């Protein structure tokens, strides 16, 4: 089961690493971090780098394609080479997945036309421009496409996908092995739950949040 995780400058680390921790435990798992060229690729803060072990041209037929989000996504919405690679990898994949604003890249590649999809809540209103049907759900399956909401939801998405691939019991084993048992100190992880002033403050900074310029 080969999973290809796309990297680009300015990705959000947990978007890639969270699903990696789950999907790398699938039976006979092989995971490749893929970028325009092999080498270190820095995250949105610039303080952490993951190493791409393969160039896009070297990976053509993954079983699972995973596209993370992050502020750097905005720079690739018209990146012909990246979008073409996403389309080509998707043509061979059994599952195509995204986390956060990675769904915007899937949509820009034309893969979510008419499909239900999710993204970071601050970016949901951008999906219809690319033909997708936005939903505020945390994880959305539509055919072979599975999209996750913001950042931390990538772990949930990967567990859901593991259940589809290897069965519920195996997915539960992985959940227990990783001790994924969220007990956050605040109940503010969704706009409808967060205090109004917190949601308003983040909403007022939405462009800065999504582009990494604030």
N, C-alpha and C. Protein backbone atom coordinates (compact mmCIF):
# COMPACT_ATOMS: atom_id res chain seq x y z
N UNK A 1 0.86 -1.19 0.00
CA UNK A 1 0.00 0.00 0.00
C UNK A 1 0.89 1.24 0.00
N UNK A 2 1.05 1.83 -1.16
CA UNK A 2 1.95 2.97 -1.32
C UNK A 2 1.18 4.28 -1.16
N UNK A 3 1.59 5.07 -0.18
CA UNK A 3 1.01 6.39 0.04
C UNK A 3 2.01 7.45 -0.40
N UNK A 4 1.59 8.38 -1.24
CA UNK A 4 2.42 9.51 -1.66
C UNK A 4 1.87 10.77 -1.00
N UNK A 5 2.71 11.44 -0.22
CA UNK A 5 2.33 12.68 0.47
C UNK A 5 3.05 13.83 -0.21
N UNK A 6 2.30 14.72 -0.80
CA UNK A 6 2.88 15.86 -1.52
C UNK A 6 3.38 16.91 -0.53
N UNK A 7 4.55 17.45 -0.81
CA UNK A 7 5.10 18.55 -0.02
C UNK A 7 5.36 19.74 -0.93
N UNK A 8 5.18 20.93 -0.37
CA UNK A 8 5.51 22.18 -1.07
C UNK A 8 5.90 23.17 0.00
N UNK A 9 6.71 24.16 -0.36
CA UNK A 9 7.11 25.17 0.61
C UNK A 9 5.88 25.82 1.23
N UNK A 10 5.84 25.86 2.57
CA UNK A 10 4.74 26.49 3.25
C UNK A 10 3.59 25.57 3.60
N UNK A 11 3.82 24.23 3.55
CA UNK A 11 2.79 23.30 4.01
C UNK A 11 2.69 23.40 5.54
N UNK A 12 1.58 22.96 6.09
CA UNK A 12 1.42 22.88 7.54
C UNK A 12 1.87 21.50 7.98
N UNK A 13 2.80 21.45 8.92
CA UNK A 13 3.46 20.19 9.26
C UNK A 13 2.49 19.10 9.69
N UNK A 14 1.54 19.41 10.56
CA UNK A 14 0.64 18.38 11.06
C UNK A 14 -0.27 17.84 9.96
N UNK A 15 -0.55 18.64 8.94
CA UNK A 15 -1.34 18.16 7.80
C UNK A 15 -0.70 16.94 7.16
N UNK A 16 0.63 16.93 7.12
CA UNK A 16 1.37 15.83 6.50
C UNK A 16 1.76 14.76 7.52
N UNK A 17 2.25 15.19 8.67
CA UNK A 17 2.81 14.26 9.64
C UNK A 17 1.72 13.49 10.39
N UNK A 18 0.59 14.15 10.70
CA UNK A 18 -0.48 13.46 11.39
C UNK A 18 -0.97 12.24 10.61
N UNK A 19 -1.39 12.42 9.35
CA UNK A 19 -1.79 11.25 8.55
C UNK A 19 -0.65 10.26 8.33
N UNK A 20 0.57 10.76 8.20
CA UNK A 20 1.71 9.86 8.03
C UNK A 20 1.81 8.87 9.19
N UNK A 21 1.64 9.35 10.41
CA UNK A 21 1.77 8.48 11.58
C UNK A 21 0.75 7.35 11.56
N UNK A 22 -0.40 7.60 10.97
CA UNK A 22 -1.44 6.57 10.89
C UNK A 22 -1.23 5.69 9.66
N UNK A 23 -1.11 6.30 8.50
CA UNK A 23 -1.06 5.53 7.25
C UNK A 23 0.22 4.72 7.11
N UNK A 24 1.28 5.14 7.77
CA UNK A 24 2.54 4.39 7.70
C UNK A 24 2.45 3.07 8.45
N UNK A 25 1.38 2.86 9.20
CA UNK A 25 1.18 1.63 9.96
C UNK A 25 0.25 0.65 9.25
N UNK A 26 -0.22 1.00 8.07
CA UNK A 26 -1.04 0.07 7.29
C UNK A 26 -0.23 -1.18 6.94
N UNK A 27 -0.89 -2.30 6.73
CA UNK A 27 -0.16 -3.51 6.32
C UNK A 27 0.64 -3.25 5.02
N UNK A 28 1.89 -3.68 5.04
CA UNK A 28 2.78 -3.54 3.87
C UNK A 28 2.84 -2.09 3.39
N UNK A 29 2.86 -1.18 4.35
CA UNK A 29 2.85 0.24 4.00
C UNK A 29 4.19 0.70 3.42
N UNK A 30 4.09 1.54 2.43
CA UNK A 30 5.23 2.27 1.88
C UNK A 30 4.78 3.72 1.74
N UNK A 31 5.53 4.64 2.32
CA UNK A 31 5.15 6.05 2.26
C UNK A 31 6.27 6.84 1.61
N UNK A 32 5.92 7.66 0.64
CA UNK A 32 6.88 8.55 -0.01
C UNK A 32 6.45 9.99 0.20
N UNK A 33 7.39 10.82 0.64
CA UNK A 33 7.17 12.26 0.60
C UNK A 33 7.65 12.75 -0.75
N UNK A 34 6.79 13.44 -1.45
CA UNK A 34 7.03 13.81 -2.85
C UNK A 34 6.99 15.33 -2.99
N UNK A 35 7.92 15.87 -3.75
CA UNK A 35 7.95 17.31 -3.99
C UNK A 35 8.43 17.57 -5.42
N UNK A 36 8.53 18.83 -5.76
CA UNK A 36 8.99 19.17 -7.11
C UNK A 36 10.35 18.53 -7.39
N UNK A 37 11.20 18.51 -6.36
CA UNK A 37 12.50 17.83 -6.47
C UNK A 37 12.83 17.24 -5.10
N UNK A 38 13.64 16.20 -5.02
CA UNK A 38 14.01 15.62 -3.73
C UNK A 38 14.77 16.62 -2.87
N UNK A 39 14.66 16.43 -1.56
CA UNK A 39 15.38 17.31 -0.63
C UNK A 39 14.46 17.89 0.43
N UNK A 40 15.02 18.74 1.26
CA UNK A 40 14.28 19.33 2.37
C UNK A 40 13.24 20.33 1.86
N UNK A 41 12.05 20.25 2.45
CA UNK A 41 10.96 21.17 2.11
C UNK A 41 10.47 21.77 3.43
N UNK A 42 10.48 23.10 3.52
CA UNK A 42 10.19 23.76 4.79
C UNK A 42 8.69 24.03 4.96
N UNK A 43 8.26 23.95 6.21
CA UNK A 43 6.84 24.16 6.53
C UNK A 43 6.50 25.63 6.58
N UNK A 44 5.27 25.94 7.01
CA UNK A 44 4.79 27.32 6.94
C UNK A 44 5.52 28.28 7.86
N UNK A 45 6.10 27.79 8.95
CA UNK A 45 6.87 28.67 9.83
C UNK A 45 8.32 28.77 9.40
N UNK A 46 8.74 27.87 8.53
CA UNK A 46 10.13 27.84 8.08
C UNK A 46 11.09 27.19 9.05
N UNK A 47 10.57 26.75 10.21
CA UNK A 47 11.45 26.23 11.25
C UNK A 47 11.57 24.71 11.24
N UNK A 48 10.81 24.07 10.38
CA UNK A 48 10.83 22.61 10.31
C UNK A 48 10.84 22.20 8.85
N UNK A 49 11.60 21.15 8.55
CA UNK A 49 11.66 20.66 7.18
C UNK A 49 11.46 19.15 7.17
N UNK A 50 10.66 18.68 6.24
CA UNK A 50 10.58 17.26 5.93
C UNK A 50 11.37 17.02 4.66
N UNK A 51 11.90 15.83 4.53
CA UNK A 51 12.73 15.51 3.37
C UNK A 51 11.89 14.76 2.34
N UNK A 52 11.76 15.34 1.18
CA UNK A 52 11.11 14.64 0.07
C UNK A 52 12.10 13.64 -0.50
N UNK A 53 11.71 12.36 -0.49
CA UNK A 53 12.61 11.34 -1.00
C UNK A 53 12.38 11.03 -2.48
N UNK A 54 11.41 11.73 -3.07
CA UNK A 54 11.13 11.49 -4.49
C UNK A 54 10.64 12.78 -5.14
N UNK A 55 10.95 12.92 -6.40
CA UNK A 55 10.40 14.02 -7.19
C UNK A 55 9.04 13.60 -7.74
N UNK A 56 8.22 14.58 -8.06
CA UNK A 56 6.90 14.26 -8.61
C UNK A 56 7.02 13.37 -9.83
N UNK A 57 7.99 13.63 -10.67
CA UNK A 57 8.14 12.84 -11.90
C UNK A 57 8.47 11.39 -11.63
N UNK A 58 8.94 11.09 -10.41
CA UNK A 58 9.35 9.72 -10.08
C UNK A 58 8.24 8.89 -9.46
N UNK A 59 7.11 9.51 -9.14
CA UNK A 59 6.00 8.81 -8.49
C UNK A 59 4.76 9.00 -9.34
N UNK A 60 4.28 7.93 -9.94
CA UNK A 60 3.18 8.08 -10.88
C UNK A 60 1.92 7.32 -10.50
N UNK A 61 2.04 6.32 -9.61
CA UNK A 61 0.87 5.47 -9.37
C UNK A 61 0.75 5.06 -7.90
N UNK A 62 0.55 6.03 -7.01
CA UNK A 62 0.37 5.66 -5.60
C UNK A 62 -1.01 5.04 -5.38
N UNK A 63 -1.10 4.20 -4.35
CA UNK A 63 -2.41 3.68 -3.95
C UNK A 63 -3.23 4.76 -3.25
N UNK A 64 -2.53 5.56 -2.44
CA UNK A 64 -3.17 6.68 -1.74
C UNK A 64 -2.39 7.94 -2.07
N UNK A 65 -3.07 8.95 -2.54
CA UNK A 65 -2.49 10.28 -2.76
C UNK A 65 -2.99 11.20 -1.66
N UNK A 66 -2.08 11.85 -0.96
CA UNK A 66 -2.46 12.76 0.13
C UNK A 66 -1.87 14.14 -0.14
N UNK A 67 -2.73 15.15 -0.16
CA UNK A 67 -2.30 16.52 -0.38
C UNK A 67 -2.59 17.33 0.88
N UNK A 68 -1.56 17.79 1.59
CA UNK A 68 -1.77 18.62 2.77
C UNK A 68 -2.09 20.05 2.37
N UNK A 69 -2.45 20.84 3.37
CA UNK A 69 -2.68 22.26 3.13
C UNK A 69 -1.60 23.09 3.80
N UNK A 70 -1.91 24.36 3.94
CA UNK A 70 -0.96 25.30 4.53
C UNK A 70 -0.92 26.56 3.69
N UNK A 71 -0.36 27.63 4.24
CA UNK A 71 -0.31 28.89 3.49
C UNK A 71 0.33 28.78 2.13
N UNK A 72 1.31 27.87 1.98
CA UNK A 72 1.99 27.73 0.70
C UNK A 72 1.10 27.21 -0.41
N UNK A 73 -0.03 26.66 -0.06
CA UNK A 73 -0.97 26.14 -1.07
C UNK A 73 -1.38 27.22 -2.06
N UNK A 74 -1.53 28.44 -1.56
CA UNK A 74 -2.02 29.53 -2.41
C UNK A 74 -1.11 29.77 -3.61
N UNK A 75 0.18 29.51 -3.45
CA UNK A 75 1.14 29.75 -4.52
C UNK A 75 1.04 28.71 -5.63
N UNK A 76 0.29 27.65 -5.40
CA UNK A 76 0.26 26.55 -6.37
C UNK A 76 -1.10 26.34 -7.01
N UNK A 77 -2.02 27.25 -6.78
CA UNK A 77 -3.36 27.08 -7.34
C UNK A 77 -3.37 27.15 -8.86
N UNK A 78 -2.32 27.74 -9.45
CA UNK A 78 -2.19 27.79 -10.90
C UNK A 78 -0.86 27.20 -11.35
N UNK A 79 -0.31 26.32 -10.52
CA UNK A 79 0.96 25.67 -10.83
C UNK A 79 0.66 24.48 -11.75
N UNK A 80 0.86 24.69 -13.04
CA UNK A 80 0.45 23.68 -14.03
C UNK A 80 1.12 22.34 -13.79
N UNK A 81 2.41 22.34 -13.45
CA UNK A 81 3.13 21.09 -13.27
C UNK A 81 2.59 20.32 -12.07
N UNK A 82 2.35 21.02 -10.96
CA UNK A 82 1.85 20.35 -9.76
C UNK A 82 0.43 19.84 -9.97
N UNK A 83 -0.41 20.66 -10.58
CA UNK A 83 -1.79 20.23 -10.80
C UNK A 83 -1.86 19.05 -11.76
N UNK A 84 -1.00 19.04 -12.75
CA UNK A 84 -0.98 17.92 -13.69
C UNK A 84 -0.51 16.65 -12.98
N UNK A 85 0.48 16.78 -12.09
CA UNK A 85 0.92 15.60 -11.34
C UNK A 85 -0.19 15.09 -10.43
N UNK A 86 -0.91 15.99 -9.78
CA UNK A 86 -2.02 15.57 -8.93
C UNK A 86 -3.05 14.80 -9.76
N UNK A 87 -3.37 15.31 -10.94
CA UNK A 87 -4.34 14.62 -11.81
C UNK A 87 -3.82 13.25 -12.22
N UNK A 88 -2.54 13.17 -12.57
CA UNK A 88 -1.97 11.90 -13.01
C UNK A 88 -1.92 10.89 -11.87
N UNK A 89 -1.51 11.33 -10.69
CA UNK A 89 -1.46 10.42 -9.53
C UNK A 89 -2.86 9.97 -9.16
N UNK A 90 -3.81 10.88 -9.25
CA UNK A 90 -5.19 10.54 -8.94
C UNK A 90 -5.75 9.51 -9.92
N UNK A 91 -5.35 9.59 -11.15
CA UNK A 91 -5.85 8.65 -12.16
C UNK A 91 -5.47 7.21 -11.81
N UNK A 92 -4.37 7.05 -11.06
CA UNK A 92 -3.92 5.71 -10.70
C UNK A 92 -4.29 5.31 -9.27
N UNK A 93 -4.66 6.28 -8.45
CA UNK A 93 -4.86 6.01 -7.03
C UNK A 93 -6.17 5.28 -6.75
N UNK A 94 -6.17 4.55 -5.64
CA UNK A 94 -7.40 3.96 -5.12
C UNK A 94 -8.13 4.99 -4.27
N UNK A 95 -7.36 5.79 -3.54
CA UNK A 95 -7.90 6.86 -2.70
C UNK A 95 -7.13 8.14 -2.95
N UNK A 96 -7.83 9.26 -2.98
CA UNK A 96 -7.20 10.57 -3.07
C UNK A 96 -7.72 11.40 -1.91
N UNK A 97 -6.80 11.92 -1.11
CA UNK A 97 -7.17 12.57 0.15
C UNK A 97 -6.50 13.94 0.28
N UNK A 98 -7.09 14.75 1.14
CA UNK A 98 -6.50 16.05 1.44
C UNK A 98 -6.77 16.40 2.88
N UNK A 99 -5.97 17.32 3.37
CA UNK A 99 -6.15 17.89 4.71
C UNK A 99 -6.16 19.40 4.58
N UNK A 100 -7.07 20.04 5.28
CA UNK A 100 -7.13 21.50 5.34
C UNK A 100 -7.27 22.07 3.91
N UNK A 101 -6.48 23.08 3.58
CA UNK A 101 -6.62 23.72 2.27
C UNK A 101 -6.02 22.90 1.14
N UNK A 102 -5.53 21.71 1.45
CA UNK A 102 -5.14 20.81 0.37
C UNK A 102 -6.30 20.48 -0.55
N UNK A 103 -7.52 20.55 -0.02
CA UNK A 103 -8.68 20.30 -0.87
C UNK A 103 -8.82 21.35 -1.96
N UNK A 104 -8.31 22.55 -1.73
CA UNK A 104 -8.35 23.58 -2.77
C UNK A 104 -7.46 23.18 -3.95
N UNK A 105 -6.34 22.52 -3.64
CA UNK A 105 -5.48 22.04 -4.74
C UNK A 105 -6.15 20.91 -5.50
N UNK A 106 -6.81 20.00 -4.79
CA UNK A 106 -7.57 18.96 -5.49
C UNK A 106 -8.65 19.59 -6.36
N UNK A 107 -9.32 20.59 -5.82
CA UNK A 107 -10.38 21.26 -6.58
C UNK A 107 -9.82 21.99 -7.79
N UNK A 108 -8.68 22.67 -7.60
CA UNK A 108 -8.07 23.40 -8.71
C UNK A 108 -7.62 22.45 -9.81
N UNK A 109 -7.31 21.20 -9.43
CA UNK A 109 -6.94 20.19 -10.42
C UNK A 109 -8.16 19.59 -11.11
N UNK A 110 -9.34 20.01 -10.70
CA UNK A 110 -10.57 19.55 -11.35
C UNK A 110 -11.11 18.24 -10.80
N UNK A 111 -10.63 17.81 -9.64
CA UNK A 111 -11.01 16.50 -9.13
C UNK A 111 -12.25 16.52 -8.25
N UNK A 112 -12.67 17.69 -7.80
CA UNK A 112 -13.80 17.75 -6.88
C UNK A 112 -15.05 18.37 -7.51
N UNK A 113 -15.07 18.48 -8.80
CA UNK A 113 -16.21 19.09 -9.49
C UNK A 113 -17.49 18.31 -9.17
N UNK A 114 -18.45 18.98 -8.57
CA UNK A 114 -19.72 18.36 -8.22
C UNK A 114 -19.68 17.50 -6.98
N UNK A 115 -18.52 17.39 -6.34
CA UNK A 115 -18.38 16.52 -5.17
C UNK A 115 -18.47 17.30 -3.87
N UNK A 116 -18.95 16.62 -2.83
CA UNK A 116 -18.94 17.18 -1.49
C UNK A 116 -17.51 17.16 -0.97
N UNK A 117 -17.12 18.23 -0.29
CA UNK A 117 -15.74 18.31 0.21
C UNK A 117 -15.70 19.28 1.38
N UNK A 118 -14.63 19.16 2.16
CA UNK A 118 -14.43 20.08 3.26
C UNK A 118 -13.03 20.67 3.19
N UNK A 119 -12.75 21.59 4.09
CA UNK A 119 -11.47 22.28 4.14
C UNK A 119 -11.41 22.98 5.48
N UNK A 120 -10.37 23.74 5.72
CA UNK A 120 -10.35 24.60 6.90
C UNK A 120 -11.58 25.50 6.85
N UNK A 121 -12.21 25.74 7.99
CA UNK A 121 -13.48 26.48 7.97
C UNK A 121 -13.34 27.88 7.39
N UNK A 122 -12.13 28.45 7.48
CA UNK A 122 -11.93 29.77 6.90
C UNK A 122 -11.81 29.74 5.38
N UNK A 123 -11.67 28.53 4.82
CA UNK A 123 -11.48 28.41 3.37
C UNK A 123 -12.65 27.74 2.67
N UNK A 124 -13.66 27.33 3.42
CA UNK A 124 -14.78 26.61 2.82
C UNK A 124 -15.44 27.38 1.68
N UNK A 125 -15.53 28.71 1.84
CA UNK A 125 -16.24 29.49 0.83
C UNK A 125 -15.46 29.61 -0.48
N UNK A 126 -14.24 29.07 -0.52
CA UNK A 126 -13.44 29.11 -1.75
C UNK A 126 -13.67 27.89 -2.64
N UNK A 127 -14.25 26.85 -2.07
CA UNK A 127 -14.44 25.62 -2.83
C UNK A 127 -15.42 25.75 -3.99
N UNK A 128 -16.55 26.45 -3.84
CA UNK A 128 -17.52 26.50 -4.95
C UNK A 128 -16.95 27.08 -6.24
N UNK A 129 -15.98 27.97 -6.13
CA UNK A 129 -15.39 28.55 -7.34
C UNK A 129 -14.74 27.49 -8.22
N UNK A 130 -14.42 26.34 -7.63
CA UNK A 130 -13.80 25.25 -8.38
C UNK A 130 -14.76 24.07 -8.56
N UNK A 131 -16.06 24.32 -8.33
CA UNK A 131 -17.07 23.32 -8.62
C UNK A 131 -17.37 22.35 -7.49
N UNK A 132 -16.67 22.50 -6.35
CA UNK A 132 -16.91 21.59 -5.23
C UNK A 132 -18.10 22.07 -4.40
N UNK A 133 -18.69 21.14 -3.65
CA UNK A 133 -19.83 21.44 -2.79
C UNK A 133 -19.36 21.40 -1.34
N UNK A 134 -19.14 22.57 -0.73
CA UNK A 134 -18.55 22.59 0.61
C UNK A 134 -19.49 22.10 1.69
N UNK A 135 -18.91 21.44 2.68
CA UNK A 135 -19.63 21.02 3.87
C UNK A 135 -18.72 21.24 5.06
N UNK A 136 -19.31 21.57 6.18
CA UNK A 136 -18.54 21.83 7.39
C UNK A 136 -18.20 20.59 8.17
N UNK A 137 -18.44 19.41 7.61
CA UNK A 137 -18.11 18.17 8.32
C UNK A 137 -16.60 18.04 8.49
N UNK A 138 -16.20 17.27 9.49
CA UNK A 138 -14.77 17.13 9.80
C UNK A 138 -14.06 16.25 8.78
N UNK A 139 -14.71 15.18 8.35
CA UNK A 139 -14.17 14.28 7.34
C UNK A 139 -15.28 13.96 6.35
N UNK A 140 -15.00 14.07 5.06
CA UNK A 140 -16.01 13.86 4.03
C UNK A 140 -15.51 12.84 3.01
N UNK A 141 -16.29 11.79 2.80
CA UNK A 141 -16.04 10.83 1.73
C UNK A 141 -17.01 11.10 0.59
N UNK A 142 -16.50 11.15 -0.62
CA UNK A 142 -17.34 11.21 -1.81
C UNK A 142 -16.65 10.37 -2.88
N UNK A 143 -17.14 9.15 -3.06
CA UNK A 143 -16.44 8.22 -3.93
C UNK A 143 -15.08 7.89 -3.34
N UNK A 144 -14.04 7.96 -4.15
CA UNK A 144 -12.71 7.65 -3.65
C UNK A 144 -12.02 8.87 -3.04
N UNK A 145 -12.71 9.98 -3.00
CA UNK A 145 -12.13 11.22 -2.49
C UNK A 145 -12.50 11.41 -1.03
N UNK A 146 -11.51 11.70 -0.20
CA UNK A 146 -11.74 11.93 1.21
C UNK A 146 -11.00 13.21 1.61
N UNK A 147 -11.77 14.17 2.08
CA UNK A 147 -11.20 15.46 2.46
C UNK A 147 -11.41 15.67 3.95
N UNK A 148 -10.45 16.34 4.57
CA UNK A 148 -10.50 16.61 6.00
C UNK A 148 -10.51 18.12 6.21
N UNK A 149 -11.09 18.53 7.31
CA UNK A 149 -11.15 19.96 7.66
C UNK A 149 -9.76 20.43 8.08
N UNK A 150 -9.69 21.36 9.00
CA UNK A 150 -8.40 21.97 9.34
C UNK A 150 -7.44 21.08 10.11
N UNK A 151 -6.20 21.08 9.70
CA UNK A 151 -5.00 20.61 10.39
C UNK A 151 -5.18 19.31 11.18
N UNK A 152 -5.67 19.40 12.42
CA UNK A 152 -5.74 18.23 13.30
C UNK A 152 -6.69 17.16 12.78
N UNK A 153 -7.64 17.54 11.94
CA UNK A 153 -8.61 16.58 11.42
C UNK A 153 -7.97 15.57 10.47
N UNK A 154 -6.74 15.82 10.05
CA UNK A 154 -6.05 14.87 9.20
C UNK A 154 -5.84 13.53 9.89
N UNK A 155 -5.69 13.54 11.22
CA UNK A 155 -5.54 12.29 11.96
C UNK A 155 -6.85 11.51 11.90
N UNK A 156 -7.97 12.20 12.11
CA UNK A 156 -9.28 11.55 12.02
C UNK A 156 -9.47 10.96 10.62
N UNK A 157 -9.13 11.75 9.62
CA UNK A 157 -9.29 11.30 8.24
C UNK A 157 -8.48 10.04 7.99
N UNK A 158 -7.24 10.01 8.46
CA UNK A 158 -6.39 8.86 8.23
C UNK A 158 -6.91 7.62 8.95
N UNK A 159 -7.50 7.79 10.11
CA UNK A 159 -8.10 6.66 10.81
C UNK A 159 -9.34 6.15 10.06
N UNK A 160 -10.18 7.07 9.60
CA UNK A 160 -11.33 6.67 8.78
C UNK A 160 -10.86 5.88 7.57
N UNK A 161 -9.83 6.39 6.90
CA UNK A 161 -9.33 5.75 5.69
C UNK A 161 -8.72 4.38 6.01
N UNK A 162 -8.02 4.30 7.12
CA UNK A 162 -7.46 3.02 7.55
C UNK A 162 -8.56 1.99 7.75
N UNK A 163 -9.67 2.42 8.34
CA UNK A 163 -10.80 1.52 8.52
C UNK A 163 -11.34 1.01 7.19
N UNK A 164 -11.39 1.89 6.19
CA UNK A 164 -11.87 1.47 4.87
C UNK A 164 -10.89 0.49 4.22
N UNK A 165 -9.59 0.72 4.42
CA UNK A 165 -8.57 -0.08 3.75
C UNK A 165 -8.33 -1.41 4.46
N UNK A 166 -8.22 -1.37 5.79
CA UNK A 166 -7.77 -2.54 6.54
C UNK A 166 -8.78 -3.05 7.56
N UNK A 167 -9.93 -2.40 7.65
CA UNK A 167 -10.96 -2.87 8.57
C UNK A 167 -10.99 -2.07 9.87
N UNK A 168 -12.15 -2.06 10.49
CA UNK A 168 -12.34 -1.27 11.71
C UNK A 168 -11.43 -1.72 12.85
N UNK A 169 -11.28 -3.03 13.02
CA UNK A 169 -10.46 -3.51 14.13
C UNK A 169 -9.02 -3.04 13.99
N UNK A 170 -8.48 -3.14 12.77
CA UNK A 170 -7.10 -2.69 12.55
C UNK A 170 -6.97 -1.20 12.82
N UNK A 171 -7.96 -0.42 12.38
CA UNK A 171 -7.92 1.01 12.62
C UNK A 171 -7.96 1.31 14.12
N UNK A 172 -8.74 0.55 14.86
CA UNK A 172 -8.80 0.75 16.31
C UNK A 172 -7.47 0.38 16.97
N UNK A 173 -6.82 -0.66 16.45
CA UNK A 173 -5.50 -1.02 16.97
C UNK A 173 -4.53 0.14 16.79
N UNK A 174 -4.55 0.75 15.60
CA UNK A 174 -3.66 1.89 15.34
C UNK A 174 -4.03 3.07 16.24
N UNK A 175 -5.32 3.32 16.41
CA UNK A 175 -5.73 4.42 17.29
C UNK A 175 -5.21 4.19 18.70
N UNK A 176 -5.30 2.97 19.19
CA UNK A 176 -4.82 2.67 20.54
C UNK A 176 -3.31 2.74 20.60
N UNK A 177 -2.64 2.23 19.57
CA UNK A 177 -1.17 2.25 19.56
C UNK A 177 -0.64 3.67 19.58
N UNK A 178 -1.33 4.56 18.90
CA UNK A 178 -0.90 5.97 18.89
C UNK A 178 -1.52 6.76 20.04
N UNK A 179 -2.34 6.10 20.84
CA UNK A 179 -3.04 6.71 21.97
C UNK A 179 -3.73 8.01 21.55
N UNK A 180 -4.44 7.90 20.43
CA UNK A 180 -5.19 9.07 19.95
C UNK A 180 -6.51 9.14 20.71
N UNK A 181 -6.52 9.95 21.75
CA UNK A 181 -7.66 10.08 22.66
C UNK A 181 -7.79 11.55 23.04
N UNK A 182 -8.20 12.40 22.09
CA UNK A 182 -8.18 13.85 22.32
C UNK A 182 -8.99 14.29 23.54
N UNK A 183 -8.36 15.06 24.38
CA UNK A 183 -9.01 15.65 25.55
C UNK A 183 -8.51 17.08 25.70
N UNK A 184 -8.88 17.96 24.76
CA UNK A 184 -8.33 19.32 24.75
C UNK A 184 -8.78 20.13 25.96
N UNK A 185 -7.98 21.12 26.35
CA UNK A 185 -8.32 21.92 27.52
C UNK A 185 -9.48 22.88 27.28
N UNK A 186 -9.78 23.16 26.01
CA UNK A 186 -10.86 24.08 25.66
C UNK A 186 -11.78 23.45 24.63
N UNK A 187 -13.02 23.82 24.66
CA UNK A 187 -13.97 23.36 23.64
C UNK A 187 -14.15 24.48 22.63
N UNK A 188 -13.06 24.78 21.92
CA UNK A 188 -13.05 25.90 21.00
C UNK A 188 -12.48 25.51 19.65
N UNK A 189 -12.61 24.23 19.30
CA UNK A 189 -11.98 23.73 18.08
C UNK A 189 -12.79 23.85 16.82
N UNK A 190 -13.98 24.44 16.90
CA UNK A 190 -14.81 24.66 15.72
C UNK A 190 -15.50 26.00 15.88
N UNK A 191 -15.80 26.69 14.77
CA UNK A 191 -16.35 28.05 14.88
C UNK A 191 -17.66 28.10 15.64
N UNK A 192 -18.46 27.04 15.56
CA UNK A 192 -19.74 27.05 16.27
C UNK A 192 -19.58 26.76 17.76
N UNK A 193 -18.38 26.34 18.18
CA UNK A 193 -18.13 26.05 19.59
C UNK A 193 -17.31 27.14 20.27
N UNK A 194 -16.46 27.79 19.52
CA UNK A 194 -15.56 28.78 20.11
C UNK A 194 -16.33 30.02 20.59
N UNK A 195 -15.83 30.69 21.62
CA UNK A 195 -16.44 31.97 22.03
C UNK A 195 -16.51 32.92 20.84
N UNK A 196 -17.56 33.68 20.78
CA UNK A 196 -17.78 34.56 19.63
C UNK A 196 -16.63 35.50 19.35
N UNK A 197 -16.02 36.06 20.41
CA UNK A 197 -14.94 37.01 20.17
C UNK A 197 -13.70 36.31 19.61
N UNK A 198 -13.50 35.05 19.99
CA UNK A 198 -12.36 34.30 19.46
C UNK A 198 -12.57 34.01 17.98
N UNK A 199 -13.76 33.55 17.62
CA UNK A 199 -14.07 33.27 16.22
C UNK A 199 -13.99 34.54 15.38
N UNK A 200 -14.50 35.64 15.92
CA UNK A 200 -14.47 36.90 15.18
C UNK A 200 -13.05 37.38 14.97
N UNK A 201 -12.20 37.21 15.99
CA UNK A 201 -10.81 37.65 15.86
C UNK A 201 -10.10 36.85 14.78
N UNK A 202 -10.30 35.54 14.79
CA UNK A 202 -9.64 34.71 13.78
C UNK A 202 -10.22 34.99 12.40
N UNK A 203 -11.51 35.20 12.34
CA UNK A 203 -12.15 35.49 11.05
C UNK A 203 -11.62 36.81 10.47
N UNK A 204 -11.39 37.79 11.34
CA UNK A 204 -10.89 39.09 10.88
C UNK A 204 -9.47 38.98 10.33
N UNK A 205 -8.78 37.94 10.74
CA UNK A 205 -7.41 37.73 10.28
C UNK A 205 -7.34 36.58 9.28
N UNK A 206 -8.46 36.23 8.69
CA UNK A 206 -8.51 35.02 7.87
C UNK A 206 -7.52 35.04 6.72
N UNK A 207 -7.37 36.14 6.04
CA UNK A 207 -6.45 36.19 4.90
C UNK A 207 -5.03 35.97 5.37
N UNK A 208 -4.68 36.58 6.51
CA UNK A 208 -3.33 36.40 7.05
C UNK A 208 -3.12 34.96 7.49
N UNK A 209 -4.13 34.36 8.10
CA UNK A 209 -4.02 32.99 8.56
C UNK A 209 -3.81 32.03 7.39
N UNK A 210 -4.58 32.21 6.33
CA UNK A 210 -4.54 31.28 5.21
C UNK A 210 -3.34 31.48 4.30
N UNK A 211 -2.76 32.65 4.34
CA UNK A 211 -1.61 32.91 3.46
C UNK A 211 -0.29 32.98 4.22
N UNK A 212 -0.37 32.92 5.56
CA UNK A 212 0.86 32.96 6.35
C UNK A 212 1.49 34.33 6.43
N UNK A 213 0.72 35.37 6.14
CA UNK A 213 1.28 36.71 6.15
C UNK A 213 0.88 37.50 7.39
N UNK A 214 0.49 36.79 8.44
CA UNK A 214 0.12 37.50 9.65
C UNK A 214 0.35 36.67 10.87
